[in-house]
Amino acid sequence: MTMTFAERADQLCDRLRDMEHHAEEGDQLFYCAYLLGLLGLHSSAEGEGNDVFDQAFTVILQETLDAEGVTEKDQTNITSLWQTVCSKVS
């Protein structure tokens, strides 16, 4: 059965919350919170499929990081965390 976008967002948020609770440094907390906030904004999008959601969110994430002027280091770390979360809940 194909997962809806809302279900996929919930799944990813659950994993990020778990990671956030176990984070030992402020930067990791920031990266988790950043992704959680953005996922919350886009979790109501209509559609189905894990890969489709992940790909669409990756584009939105990069556009948002660029628009908000997030530093290159933070962009790299947030993007890396996003890729890690996606691979762990596939």
C-alpha atoms as a PDB file:
ATOM      1  CA  MET A   1       0.000   0.000   0.000  1.00  0.00           C
ATOM      2  CA  THR A   2       1.305   3.418  -0.977  1.00  0.00           C
ATOM      3  CA  MET A   3       1.798   5.919   1.811  1.00  0.00           C
ATOM      4  CA  THR A   4       0.151   9.352   1.570  1.00  0.00           C
ATOM      5  CA  PHE A   5       2.236  12.501   1.884  1.00  0.00           C
ATOM      6  CA  ALA A   6       0.727  13.162   5.332  1.00  0.00           C
ATOM      7  CA  GLU A   7       1.655   9.667   6.514  1.00  0.00           C
ATOM      8  CA  ARG A   8       5.186  10.040   5.155  1.00  0.00           C
ATOM      9  CA  ALA A   9       5.598  13.435   6.828  1.00  0.00           C
ATOM     10  CA  ASP A  10       4.396  11.946  10.130  1.00  0.00           C
ATOM     11  CA  GLN A  11       6.827   9.064   9.773  1.00  0.00           C
ATOM     12  CA  LEU A  12       9.743  11.411   9.119  1.00  0.00           C
ATOM     13  CA  CYS A  13       8.710  13.734  11.968  1.00  0.00           C
ATOM     14  CA  ASP A  14       8.581  10.816  14.405  1.00  0.00           C
ATOM     15  CA  ARG A  15      12.147   9.865  13.487  1.00  0.00           C
ATOM     16  CA  LEU A  16      13.341  13.468  13.725  1.00  0.00           C
ATOM     17  CA  ARG A  17      11.725  13.879  17.157  1.00  0.00           C
ATOM     18  CA  ASP A  18      13.501  10.752  18.325  1.00  0.00           C
ATOM     19  CA  MET A  19      16.804  12.112  17.029  1.00  0.00           C
ATOM     20  CA  GLU A  20      16.071  15.489  18.628  1.00  0.00           C
ATOM     21  CA  HIS A  21      15.508  13.872  22.044  1.00  0.00           C
ATOM     22  CA  HIS A  22      18.879  12.135  21.807  1.00  0.00           C
ATOM     23  CA  ALA A  23      20.827  15.103  20.431  1.00  0.00           C
ATOM     24  CA  GLU A  24      23.779  16.089  22.568  1.00  0.00           C
ATOM     25  CA  GLU A  25      24.612  19.431  20.974  1.00  0.00           C
ATOM     26  CA  GLY A  26      22.789  22.635  20.116  1.00  0.00           C
ATOM     27  CA  ASP A  27      23.504  22.479  16.400  1.00  0.00           C
ATOM     28  CA  GLN A  28      21.883  19.048  16.083  1.00  0.00           C
ATOM     29  CA  LEU A  29      18.808  20.346  17.931  1.00  0.00           C
ATOM     30  CA  PHE A  30      18.624  23.291  15.526  1.00  0.00           C
ATOM     31  CA  TYR A  31      18.869  21.050  12.460  1.00  0.00           C
ATOM     32  CA  CYS A  32      16.132  18.733  13.746  1.00  0.00           C
ATOM     33  CA  ALA A  33      13.880  21.669  14.676  1.00  0.00           C
ATOM     34  CA  TYR A  34      14.437  23.291  11.275  1.00  0.00           C
ATOM     35  CA  LEU A  35      13.363  20.165   9.421  1.00  0.00           C
ATOM     36  CA  LEU A  36      10.438  19.521  11.781  1.00  0.00           C
ATOM     37  CA  GLY A  37       9.119  23.040  11.223  1.00  0.00           C
ATOM     38  CA  LEU A  38       9.395  22.817   7.463  1.00  0.00           C
ATOM     39  CA  LEU A  39       7.850  19.343   7.383  1.00  0.00           C
ATOM     40  CA  GLY A  40       4.960  20.638   9.460  1.00  0.00           C
ATOM     41  CA  LEU A  41       4.297  23.337   6.898  1.00  0.00           C
ATOM     42  CA  HIS A  42       4.251  20.893   3.986  1.00  0.00           C
ATOM     43  CA  SER A  43       2.696  17.794   5.523  1.00  0.00           C
ATOM     44  CA  SER A  44      -0.791  18.679   4.273  1.00  0.00           C
ATOM     45  CA  ALA A  45       0.183  18.512   0.600  1.00  0.00           C
ATOM     46  CA  GLU A  46      -1.871  16.049  -1.389  1.00  0.00           C
ATOM     47  CA  GLY A  47      -0.173  13.075  -2.970  1.00  0.00           C
ATOM     48  CA  GLU A  48       1.141   9.591  -2.478  1.00  0.00           C
ATOM     49  CA  GLY A  49       4.476   7.845  -2.448  1.00  0.00           C
ATOM     50  CA  ASN A  50       7.535   8.044  -0.240  1.00  0.00           C
ATOM     51  CA  ASP A  51       9.966   8.808  -3.041  1.00  0.00           C
ATOM     52  CA  VAL A  52       7.705  11.439  -4.597  1.00  0.00           C
ATOM     53  CA  PHE A  53       7.303  13.194  -1.232  1.00  0.00           C
ATOM     54  CA  ASP A  54      11.019  12.979  -0.421  1.00  0.00           C
ATOM     55  CA  GLN A  55      12.034  14.386  -3.803  1.00  0.00           C
ATOM     56  CA  ALA A  56       9.504  17.226  -3.654  1.00  0.00           C
ATOM     57  CA  PHE A  57      10.483  18.093  -0.095  1.00  0.00           C
ATOM     58  CA  THR A  58      14.176  18.085  -1.002  1.00  0.00           C
ATOM     59  CA  VAL A  59      13.473  20.781  -3.615  1.00  0.00           C
ATOM     60  CA  ILE A  60      11.408  22.801  -1.113  1.00  0.00           C
ATOM     61  CA  LEU A  61      14.118  22.411   1.516  1.00  0.00           C
ATOM     62  CA  GLN A  62      16.840  23.731  -0.781  1.00  0.00           C
ATOM     63  CA  GLU A  63      14.698  26.645  -1.940  1.00  0.00           C
ATOM     64  CA  THR A  64      13.896  27.554   1.671  1.00  0.00           C
ATOM     65  CA  LEU A  65      17.515  27.284   2.817  1.00  0.00           C
ATOM     66  CA  ASP A  66      18.583  29.584  -0.025  1.00  0.00           C
ATOM     67  CA  ALA A  67      15.750  32.074   0.548  1.00  0.00           C
ATOM     68  CA  GLU A  68      16.451  32.303   4.266  1.00  0.00           C
ATOM     69  CA  GLY A  69      20.171  32.817   3.768  1.00  0.00           C
ATOM     70  CA  VAL A  70      21.170  29.834   5.895  1.00  0.00           C
ATOM     71  CA  THR A  71      24.961  29.509   6.060  1.00  0.00           C
ATOM     72  CA  GLU A  72      26.650  27.007   3.777  1.00  0.00           C
ATOM     73  CA  LYS A  73      27.768  24.908   6.769  1.00  0.00           C
ATOM     74  CA  ASP A  74      24.254  24.756   8.199  1.00  0.00           C
ATOM     75  CA  GLN A  75      22.786  24.024   4.761  1.00  0.00           C
ATOM     76  CA  THR A  76      25.159  21.098   4.370  1.00  0.00           C
ATOM     77  CA  ASN A  77      24.355  19.746   7.826  1.00  0.00           C
ATOM     78  CA  ILE A  78      20.581  20.154   7.445  1.00  0.00           C
ATOM     79  CA  THR A  79      20.636  18.506   4.022  1.00  0.00           C
ATOM     80  CA  SER A  80      22.776  15.675   5.372  1.00  0.00           C
ATOM     81  CA  LEU A  81      20.378  15.142   8.270  1.00  0.00           C
ATOM     82  CA  TRP A  82      17.458  15.115   5.827  1.00  0.00           C
ATOM     83  CA  GLN A  83      19.146  12.425   3.722  1.00  0.00           C
ATOM     84  CA  THR A  84      19.921  10.380   6.850  1.00  0.00           C
ATOM     85  CA  VAL A  85      16.323  10.579   8.088  1.00  0.00           C
ATOM     86  CA  CYS A  86      14.957   9.562   4.687  1.00  0.00           C
ATOM     87  CA  SER A  87      17.258   6.547   4.505  1.00  0.00           C
ATOM     88  CA  LYS A  88      16.392   5.414   8.047  1.00  0.00           C
ATOM     89  CA  VAL A  89      12.632   5.440   7.515  1.00  0.00           C
ATOM     90  CA  SER A  90      12.478   4.030   3.994  1.00  0.00           C
END
